[in-house]
Amino acid sequence: MGEGVRRAERKVPGGKLVQMTAGGGKVRLTGDFFLHPEDSLPGLEAFLASIHSDDAASAIAAYAERNGIRMIGLGPEDIAALLAEVRP
């Protein structure tokens, strides 16, 4: 991992492992989960990099609803918890 890159991982309900890395103004979400539509991950990652909200879980849920994204294997709360860990 490069300098300034932060990483977090979390076991979500059901035992799935999800990881997040952040650095250089980018966020990357990886692990054992699915998003539908399948091509929605880059947009979600860009959105996560731009969030500066105290209530990230609600912002993520609203983004997913606006964009018709269905999350399988994780939820907005899981993503928000990871985001809180990788933020400086």
PDB file of N, CA and C in Angstrom:
ATOM      1  N   MET A   1       0.840  -1.178   0.000  1.00  0.00           N
ATOM      2  CA  MET A   1       0.000   0.000   0.000  1.00  0.00           C
ATOM      3  C   MET A   1       0.883   1.238   0.000  1.00  0.00           C
ATOM      4  N   GLY A   2       0.497   2.231  -0.752  1.00  0.00           N
ATOM      5  CA  GLY A   2       1.291   3.441  -0.865  1.00  0.00           C
ATOM      6  C   GLY A   2       1.161   4.333   0.349  1.00  0.00           C
ATOM      7  N   GLU A   3       2.037   5.315   0.407  1.00  0.00           N
ATOM      8  CA  GLU A   3       2.014   6.268   1.506  1.00  0.00           C
ATOM      9  C   GLU A   3       0.733   7.086   1.447  1.00  0.00           C
ATOM     10  N   GLY A   4       0.117   7.283   2.597  1.00  0.00           N
ATOM     11  CA  GLY A   4      -1.119   8.059   2.667  1.00  0.00           C
ATOM     12  C   GLY A   4      -2.364   7.270   2.335  1.00  0.00           C
ATOM     13  N   VAL A   5      -2.215   5.999   1.995  1.00  0.00           N
ATOM     14  CA  VAL A   5      -3.374   5.156   1.710  1.00  0.00           C
ATOM     15  C   VAL A   5      -3.792   4.469   3.005  1.00  0.00           C
ATOM     16  N   ARG A   6      -5.065   4.561   3.311  1.00  0.00           N
ATOM     17  CA  ARG A   6      -5.607   3.947   4.518  1.00  0.00           C
ATOM     18  C   ARG A   6      -6.522   2.805   4.118  1.00  0.00           C
ATOM     19  N   ARG A   7      -6.538   1.753   4.937  1.00  0.00           N
ATOM     20  CA  ARG A   7      -7.315   0.558   4.622  1.00  0.00           C
ATOM     21  C   ARG A   7      -8.105   0.124   5.850  1.00  0.00           C
ATOM     22  N   ALA A   8      -9.317  -0.335   5.620  1.00  0.00           N
ATOM     23  CA  ALA A   8     -10.149  -0.887   6.688  1.00  0.00           C
ATOM     24  C   ALA A   8     -10.880  -2.098   6.135  1.00  0.00           C
ATOM     25  N   GLU A   9     -11.186  -3.031   7.025  1.00  0.00           N
ATOM     26  CA  GLU A   9     -12.004  -4.164   6.614  1.00  0.00           C
ATOM     27  C   GLU A   9     -12.993  -4.473   7.714  1.00  0.00           C
ATOM     28  N   ARG A  10     -14.086  -5.110   7.299  1.00  0.00           N
ATOM     29  CA  ARG A  10     -15.189  -5.341   8.227  1.00  0.00           C
ATOM     30  C   ARG A  10     -15.906  -6.616   7.815  1.00  0.00           C
ATOM     31  N   LYS A  11     -16.235  -7.430   8.818  1.00  0.00           N
ATOM     32  CA  LYS A  11     -17.111  -8.575   8.583  1.00  0.00           C
ATOM     33  C   LYS A  11     -18.532  -8.087   8.804  1.00  0.00           C
ATOM     34  N   VAL A  12     -19.320  -8.182   7.780  1.00  0.00           N
ATOM     35  CA  VAL A  12     -20.700  -7.728   7.864  1.00  0.00           C
ATOM     36  C   VAL A  12     -21.586  -8.899   8.262  1.00  0.00           C
ATOM     37  N   PRO A  13     -22.819  -8.635   8.695  1.00  0.00           N
ATOM     38  CA  PRO A  13     -23.713  -9.733   9.070  1.00  0.00           C
ATOM     39  C   PRO A  13     -23.770 -10.790   7.961  1.00  0.00           C
ATOM     40  N   GLY A  14     -23.689 -12.047   8.370  1.00  0.00           N
ATOM     41  CA  GLY A  14     -23.648 -13.123   7.400  1.00  0.00           C
ATOM     42  C   GLY A  14     -22.229 -13.588   7.143  1.00  0.00           C
ATOM     43  N   GLY A  15     -21.239 -12.921   7.764  1.00  0.00           N
ATOM     44  CA  GLY A  15     -19.852 -13.341   7.678  1.00  0.00           C
ATOM     45  C   GLY A  15     -19.094 -12.888   6.449  1.00  0.00           C
ATOM     46  N   LYS A  16     -19.667 -12.006   5.659  1.00  0.00           N
ATOM     47  CA  LYS A  16     -18.990 -11.503   4.462  1.00  0.00           C
ATOM     48  C   LYS A  16     -17.921 -10.492   4.852  1.00  0.00           C
ATOM     49  N   LEU A  17     -16.791 -10.517   4.134  1.00  0.00           N
ATOM     50  CA  LEU A  17     -15.701  -9.590   4.394  1.00  0.00           C
ATOM     51  C   LEU A  17     -15.692  -8.501   3.324  1.00  0.00           C
ATOM     52  N   VAL A  18     -15.667  -7.250   3.769  1.00  0.00           N
ATOM     53  CA  VAL A  18     -15.663  -6.100   2.868  1.00  0.00           C
ATOM     54  C   VAL A  18     -14.482  -5.218   3.256  1.00  0.00           C
ATOM     55  N   GLN A  19     -13.749  -4.724   2.247  1.00  0.00           N
ATOM     56  CA  GLN A  19     -12.599  -3.859   2.492  1.00  0.00           C
ATOM     57  C   GLN A  19     -12.785  -2.520   1.782  1.00  0.00           C
ATOM     58  N   MET A  20     -12.148  -1.509   2.370  1.00  0.00           N
ATOM     59  CA  MET A  20     -12.137  -0.189   1.749  1.00  0.00           C
ATOM     60  C   MET A  20     -10.727   0.375   1.862  1.00  0.00           C
ATOM     61  N   THR A  21     -10.275   0.963   0.782  1.00  0.00           N
ATOM     62  CA  THR A  21      -9.020   1.710   0.796  1.00  0.00           C
ATOM     63  C   THR A  21      -9.315   3.134   0.349  1.00  0.00           C
ATOM     64  N   ALA A  22      -8.574   4.065   0.905  1.00  0.00           N
ATOM     65  CA  ALA A  22      -8.762   5.470   0.542  1.00  0.00           C
ATOM     66  C   ALA A  22      -7.410   6.153   0.508  1.00  0.00           C
ATOM     67  N   GLY A  23      -7.239   7.002  -0.475  1.00  0.00           N
ATOM     68  CA  GLY A  23      -6.016   7.786  -0.592  1.00  0.00           C
ATOM     69  C   GLY A  23      -5.996   8.493  -1.932  1.00  0.00           C
ATOM     70  N   GLY A  24      -5.331   9.606  -1.972  1.00  0.00           N
ATOM     71  CA  GLY A  24      -5.234  10.360  -3.215  1.00  0.00           C
ATOM     72  C   GLY A  24      -6.575  10.834  -3.739  1.00  0.00           C
ATOM     73  N   GLY A  25      -7.522  11.071  -2.828  1.00  0.00           N
ATOM     74  CA  GLY A  25      -8.841  11.545  -3.237  1.00  0.00           C
ATOM     75  C   GLY A  25      -9.739  10.474  -3.819  1.00  0.00           C
ATOM     76  N   LYS A  26      -9.335   9.211  -3.699  1.00  0.00           N
ATOM     77  CA  LYS A  26     -10.127   8.105  -4.238  1.00  0.00           C
ATOM     78  C   LYS A  26     -10.476   7.118  -3.138  1.00  0.00           C
ATOM     79  N   VAL A  27     -11.597   6.439  -3.335  1.00  0.00           N
ATOM     80  CA  VAL A  27     -12.040   5.377  -2.431  1.00  0.00           C
ATOM     81  C   VAL A  27     -12.275   4.140  -3.264  1.00  0.00           C
ATOM     82  N   ARG A  28     -11.828   3.006  -2.750  1.00  0.00           N
ATOM     83  CA  ARG A  28     -12.053   1.727  -3.444  1.00  0.00           C
ATOM     84  C   ARG A  28     -12.713   0.759  -2.464  1.00  0.00           C
ATOM     85  N   LEU A  29     -13.791   0.146  -2.914  1.00  0.00           N
ATOM     86  CA  LEU A  29     -14.577  -0.792  -2.117  1.00  0.00           C
ATOM     87  C   LEU A  29     -14.460  -2.168  -2.756  1.00  0.00           C
ATOM     88  N   THR A  30     -14.001  -3.158  -1.986  1.00  0.00           N
ATOM     89  CA  THR A  30     -13.831  -4.506  -2.506  1.00  0.00           C
ATOM     90  C   THR A  30     -14.361  -5.511  -1.485  1.00  0.00           C
ATOM     91  N   GLY A  31     -14.552  -6.731  -1.925  1.00  0.00           N
ATOM     92  CA  GLY A  31     -14.953  -7.781  -0.995  1.00  0.00           C
ATOM     93  C   GLY A  31     -16.056  -8.648  -1.535  1.00  0.00           C
ATOM     94  N   ASP A  32     -16.695  -9.340  -0.613  1.00  0.00           N
ATOM     95  CA  ASP A  32     -17.706 -10.338  -0.931  1.00  0.00           C
ATOM     96  C   ASP A  32     -19.101  -9.710  -0.883  1.00  0.00           C
ATOM     97  N   PHE A  33     -19.436  -8.944  -1.910  1.00  0.00           N
ATOM     98  CA  PHE A  33     -20.742  -8.292  -2.005  1.00  0.00           C
ATOM     99  C   PHE A  33     -21.076  -8.097  -3.480  1.00  0.00           C
ATOM    100  N   PHE A  34     -22.327  -7.762  -3.725  1.00  0.00           N
ATOM    101  CA  PHE A  34     -22.784  -7.490  -5.088  1.00  0.00           C
ATOM    102  C   PHE A  34     -23.561  -6.186  -5.103  1.00  0.00           C
ATOM    103  N   LEU A  35     -23.453  -5.495  -6.209  1.00  0.00           N
ATOM    104  CA  LEU A  35     -24.275  -4.313  -6.467  1.00  0.00           C
ATOM    105  C   LEU A  35     -25.017  -4.549  -7.765  1.00  0.00           C
ATOM    106  N   HIS A  36     -26.270  -4.158  -7.792  1.00  0.00           N
ATOM    107  CA  HIS A  36     -27.050  -4.193  -9.035  1.00  0.00           C
ATOM    108  C   HIS A  36     -27.576  -2.803  -9.273  1.00  0.00           C
ATOM    109  N   PRO A  37     -27.402  -2.210 -10.421  1.00  0.00           N
ATOM    110  CA  PRO A  37     -26.712  -2.787 -11.566  1.00  0.00           C
ATOM    111  C   PRO A  37     -25.220  -2.977 -11.280  1.00  0.00           C
ATOM    112  N   GLU A  38     -24.643  -3.956 -11.946  1.00  0.00           N
ATOM    113  CA  GLU A  38     -23.259  -4.346 -11.691  1.00  0.00           C
ATOM    114  C   GLU A  38     -22.247  -3.243 -12.006  1.00  0.00           C
ATOM    115  N   ASP A  39     -22.590  -2.351 -12.911  1.00  0.00           N
ATOM    116  CA  ASP A  39     -21.645  -1.292 -13.292  1.00  0.00           C
ATOM    117  C   ASP A  39     -21.758  -0.050 -12.407  1.00  0.00           C
ATOM    118  N   SER A  40     -22.437  -0.163 -11.265  1.00  0.00           N
ATOM    119  CA  SER A  40     -22.635   0.996 -10.400  1.00  0.00           C
ATOM    120  C   SER A  40     -21.491   1.233  -9.407  1.00  0.00           C
ATOM    121  N   LEU A  41     -20.544   0.313  -9.298  1.00  0.00           N
ATOM    122  CA  LEU A  41     -19.473   0.458  -8.312  1.00  0.00           C
ATOM    123  C   LEU A  41     -18.604   1.703  -8.536  1.00  0.00           C
ATOM    124  N   PRO A  42     -18.138   1.997  -9.745  1.00  0.00           N
ATOM    125  CA  PRO A  42     -17.300   3.202  -9.919  1.00  0.00           C
ATOM    126  C   PRO A  42     -18.020   4.491  -9.489  1.00  0.00           C
ATOM    127  N   GLY A  43     -19.290   4.604  -9.785  1.00  0.00           N
ATOM    128  CA  GLY A  43     -20.042   5.792  -9.380  1.00  0.00           C
ATOM    129  C   GLY A  43     -20.191   5.877  -7.871  1.00  0.00           C
ATOM    130  N   LEU A  44     -20.449   4.731  -7.233  1.00  0.00           N
ATOM    131  CA  LEU A  44     -20.558   4.703  -5.778  1.00  0.00           C
ATOM    132  C   LEU A  44     -19.226   5.080  -5.135  1.00  0.00           C
ATOM    133  N   GLU A  45     -18.128   4.550  -5.660  1.00  0.00           N
ATOM    134  CA  GLU A  45     -16.811   4.879  -5.114  1.00  0.00           C
ATOM    135  C   GLU A  45     -16.515   6.372  -5.258  1.00  0.00           C
ATOM    136  N   ALA A  46     -16.855   6.958  -6.393  1.00  0.00           N
ATOM    137  CA  ALA A  46     -16.650   8.399  -6.590  1.00  0.00           C
ATOM    138  C   ALA A  46     -17.493   9.196  -5.600  1.00  0.00           C
ATOM    139  N   PHE A  47     -18.726   8.746  -5.373  1.00  0.00           N
ATOM    140  CA  PHE A  47     -19.596   9.407  -4.404  1.00  0.00           C
ATOM    141  C   PHE A  47     -18.989   9.312  -3.000  1.00  0.00           C
ATOM    142  N   LEU A  48     -18.500   8.131  -2.636  1.00  0.00           N
ATOM    143  CA  LEU A  48     -17.909   7.948  -1.309  1.00  0.00           C
ATOM    144  C   LEU A  48     -16.719   8.876  -1.098  1.00  0.00           C
ATOM    145  N   ALA A  49     -15.939   9.096  -2.142  1.00  0.00           N
ATOM    146  CA  ALA A  49     -14.784   9.984  -2.042  1.00  0.00           C
ATOM    147  C   ALA A  49     -15.206  11.427  -1.815  1.00  0.00           C
ATOM    148  N   SER A  50     -16.442  11.761  -2.174  1.00  0.00           N
ATOM    149  CA  SER A  50     -16.907  13.150  -2.055  1.00  0.00           C
ATOM    150  C   SER A  50     -17.720  13.415  -0.790  1.00  0.00           C
ATOM    151  N   ILE A  51     -18.065  12.383  -0.043  1.00  0.00           N
ATOM    152  CA  ILE A  51     -18.912  12.562   1.149  1.00  0.00           C
ATOM    153  C   ILE A  51     -18.146  13.286   2.246  1.00  0.00           C
ATOM    154  N   HIS A  52     -18.768  14.306   2.782  1.00  0.00           N
ATOM    155  CA  HIS A  52     -18.236  15.016   3.951  1.00  0.00           C
ATOM    156  C   HIS A  52     -19.383  15.248   4.916  1.00  0.00           C
ATOM    157  N   SER A  53     -20.134  14.190   5.169  1.00  0.00           N
ATOM    158  CA  SER A  53     -21.347  14.269   5.976  1.00  0.00           C
ATOM    159  C   SER A  53     -21.148  13.537   7.295  1.00  0.00           C
ATOM    160  N   ASP A  54     -21.752  14.074   8.342  1.00  0.00           N
ATOM    161  CA  ASP A  54     -21.731  13.377   9.635  1.00  0.00           C
ATOM    162  C   ASP A  54     -22.646  12.160   9.600  1.00  0.00           C
ATOM    163  N   ASP A  55     -23.624  12.163   8.712  1.00  0.00           N
ATOM    164  CA  ASP A  55     -24.555  11.044   8.597  1.00  0.00           C
ATOM    165  C   ASP A  55     -24.332  10.348   7.258  1.00  0.00           C
ATOM    166  N   ALA A  56     -23.169   9.716   7.127  1.00  0.00           N
ATOM    167  CA  ALA A  56     -22.795   9.088   5.866  1.00  0.00           C
ATOM    168  C   ALA A  56     -23.743   7.969   5.481  1.00  0.00           C
ATOM    169  N   ALA A  57     -24.236   7.194   6.454  1.00  0.00           N
ATOM    170  CA  ALA A  57     -25.122   6.073   6.131  1.00  0.00           C
ATOM    171  C   ALA A  57     -26.379   6.564   5.411  1.00  0.00           C
ATOM    172  N   SER A  58     -26.957   7.659   5.882  1.00  0.00           N
ATOM    173  CA  SER A  58     -28.149   8.209   5.217  1.00  0.00           C
ATOM    174  C   SER A  58     -27.817   8.745   3.833  1.00  0.00           C
ATOM    175  N   ALA A  59     -26.660   9.388   3.701  1.00  0.00           N
ATOM    176  CA  ALA A  59     -26.245   9.915   2.399  1.00  0.00           C
ATOM    177  C   ALA A  59     -26.018   8.775   1.406  1.00  0.00           C
ATOM    178  N   ILE A  60     -25.407   7.684   1.868  1.00  0.00           N
ATOM    179  CA  ILE A  60     -25.160   6.527   1.002  1.00  0.00           C
ATOM    180  C   ILE A  60     -26.474   5.870   0.606  1.00  0.00           C
ATOM    181  N   ALA A  61     -27.387   5.719   1.557  1.00  0.00           N
ATOM    182  CA  ALA A  61     -28.701   5.128   1.266  1.00  0.00           C
ATOM    183  C   ALA A  61     -29.457   5.980   0.253  1.00  0.00           C
ATOM    184  N   ALA A  62     -29.404   7.300   0.413  1.00  0.00           N
ATOM    185  CA  ALA A  62     -30.091   8.203  -0.522  1.00  0.00           C
ATOM    186  C   ALA A  62     -29.460   8.110  -1.912  1.00  0.00           C
ATOM    187  N   TYR A  63     -28.130   8.044  -1.987  1.00  0.00           N
ATOM    188  CA  TYR A  63     -27.449   7.907  -3.270  1.00  0.00           C
ATOM    189  C   TYR A  63     -27.878   6.614  -3.955  1.00  0.00           C
ATOM    190  N   ALA A  64     -27.893   5.523  -3.200  1.00  0.00           N
ATOM    191  CA  ALA A  64     -28.283   4.229  -3.764  1.00  0.00           C
ATOM    192  C   ALA A  64     -29.723   4.274  -4.278  1.00  0.00           C
ATOM    193  N   GLU A  65     -30.606   4.879  -3.518  1.00  0.00           N
ATOM    194  CA  GLU A  65     -32.012   4.963  -3.941  1.00  0.00           C
ATOM    195  C   GLU A  65     -32.153   5.818  -5.205  1.00  0.00           C
ATOM    196  N   ARG A  66     -31.487   6.973  -5.234  1.00  0.00           N
ATOM    197  CA  ARG A  66     -31.550   7.866  -6.401  1.00  0.00           C
ATOM    198  C   ARG A  66     -31.059   7.188  -7.671  1.00  0.00           C
ATOM    199  N   ASN A  67     -30.081   6.304  -7.511  1.00  0.00           N
ATOM    200  CA  ASN A  67     -29.448   5.668  -8.665  1.00  0.00           C
ATOM    201  C   ASN A  67     -29.906   4.235  -8.898  1.00  0.00           C
ATOM    202  N   GLY A  68     -30.922   3.798  -8.155  1.00  0.00           N
ATOM    203  CA  GLY A  68     -31.470   2.463  -8.356  1.00  0.00           C
ATOM    204  C   GLY A  68     -30.485   1.343  -8.044  1.00  0.00           C
ATOM    205  N   ILE A  69     -29.624   1.560  -7.054  1.00  0.00           N
ATOM    206  CA  ILE A  69     -28.613   0.566  -6.701  1.00  0.00           C
ATOM    207  C   ILE A  69     -29.152  -0.349  -5.598  1.00  0.00           C
ATOM    208  N   ARG A  70     -29.043  -1.621  -5.845  1.00  0.00           N
ATOM    209  CA  ARG A  70     -29.414  -2.632  -4.845  1.00  0.00           C
ATOM    210  C   ARG A  70     -28.126  -3.252  -4.314  1.00  0.00           C
ATOM    211  N   MET A  71     -27.962  -3.239  -2.997  1.00  0.00           N
ATOM    212  CA  MET A  71     -26.764  -3.783  -2.360  1.00  0.00           C
ATOM    213  C   MET A  71     -27.083  -5.157  -1.785  1.00  0.00           C
ATOM    214  N   ILE A  72     -26.227  -6.127  -2.091  1.00  0.00           N
ATOM    215  CA  ILE A  72     -26.399  -7.486  -1.597  1.00  0.00           C
ATOM    216  C   ILE A  72     -25.108  -7.882  -0.883  1.00  0.00           C
ATOM    217  N   GLY A  73     -25.220  -8.201   0.395  1.00  0.00           N
ATOM    218  CA  GLY A  73     -24.052  -8.607   1.169  1.00  0.00           C
ATOM    219  C   GLY A  73     -23.473  -7.500   2.025  1.00  0.00           C
ATOM    220  N   LEU A  74     -24.009  -6.300   1.909  1.00  0.00           N
ATOM    221  CA  LEU A  74     -23.621  -5.174   2.750  1.00  0.00           C
ATOM    222  C   LEU A  74     -24.687  -4.101   2.641  1.00  0.00           C
ATOM    223  N   GLY A  75     -24.641  -3.149   3.555  1.00  0.00           N
ATOM    224  CA  GLY A  75     -25.612  -2.065   3.546  1.00  0.00           C
ATOM    225  C   GLY A  75     -24.936  -0.724   3.741  1.00  0.00           C
ATOM    226  N   PRO A  76     -25.702   0.354   3.650  1.00  0.00           N
ATOM    227  CA  PRO A  76     -25.145   1.693   3.817  1.00  0.00           C
ATOM    228  C   PRO A  76     -24.415   1.884   5.148  1.00  0.00           C
ATOM    229  N   GLU A  77     -24.914   1.250   6.216  1.00  0.00           N
ATOM    230  CA  GLU A  77     -24.275   1.382   7.524  1.00  0.00           C
ATOM    231  C   GLU A  77     -22.883   0.761   7.515  1.00  0.00           C
ATOM    232  N   ASP A  78     -22.745  -0.385   6.836  1.00  0.00           N
ATOM    233  CA  ASP A  78     -21.437  -1.042   6.743  1.00  0.00           C
ATOM    234  C   ASP A  78     -20.447  -0.167   5.985  1.00  0.00           C
ATOM    235  N   ILE A  79     -20.900   0.400   4.877  1.00  0.00           N
ATOM    236  CA  ILE A  79     -20.039   1.263   4.066  1.00  0.00           C
ATOM    237  C   ILE A  79     -19.649   2.507   4.860  1.00  0.00           C
ATOM    238  N   ALA A  80     -20.618   3.081   5.585  1.00  0.00           N
ATOM    239  CA  ALA A  80     -20.342   4.284   6.392  1.00  0.00           C
ATOM    240  C   ALA A  80     -19.316   3.983   7.482  1.00  0.00           C
ATOM    241  N   ALA A  81     -19.403   2.807   8.107  1.00  0.00           N
ATOM    242  CA  ALA A  81     -18.451   2.437   9.160  1.00  0.00           C
ATOM    243  C   ALA A  81     -17.041   2.318   8.582  1.00  0.00           C
ATOM    244  N   LEU A  82     -16.924   1.701   7.419  1.00  0.00           N
ATOM    245  CA  LEU A  82     -15.628   1.590   6.760  1.00  0.00           C
ATOM    246  C   LEU A  82     -15.084   2.962   6.389  1.00  0.00           C
ATOM    247  N   LEU A  83     -15.960   3.807   5.863  1.00  0.00           N
ATOM    248  CA  LEU A  83     -15.559   5.154   5.466  1.00  0.00           C
ATOM    249  C   LEU A  83     -15.029   5.934   6.670  1.00  0.00           C
ATOM    250  N   ALA A  84     -15.685   5.784   7.817  1.00  0.00           N
ATOM    251  CA  ALA A  84     -15.226   6.478   9.026  1.00  0.00           C
ATOM    252  C   ALA A  84     -13.828   6.009   9.434  1.00  0.00           C
ATOM    253  N   GLU A  85     -13.521   4.737   9.198  1.00  0.00           N
ATOM    254  CA  GLU A  85     -12.203   4.204   9.558  1.00  0.00           C
ATOM    255  C   GLU A  85     -11.100   4.690   8.638  1.00  0.00           C
ATOM    256  N   VAL A  86     -11.404   4.908   7.370  1.00  0.00           N
ATOM    257  CA  VAL A  86     -10.351   5.304   6.421  1.00  0.00           C
ATOM    258  C   VAL A  86     -10.203   6.810   6.282  1.00  0.00           C
ATOM    259  N   ARG A  87     -11.127   7.566   6.820  1.00  0.00           N
ATOM    260  CA  ARG A  87     -11.012   9.031   6.761  1.00  0.00           C
ATOM    261  C   ARG A  87      -9.911   9.491   7.695  1.00  0.00           C
ATOM    262  N   PRO A  88      -9.148  10.502   7.286  1.00  0.00           N
ATOM    263  CA  PRO A  88      -8.079  11.004   8.173  1.00  0.00           C
ATOM    264  C   PRO A  88      -8.652  11.687   9.406  1.00  0.00           C
TER     265      PRO A  88
END
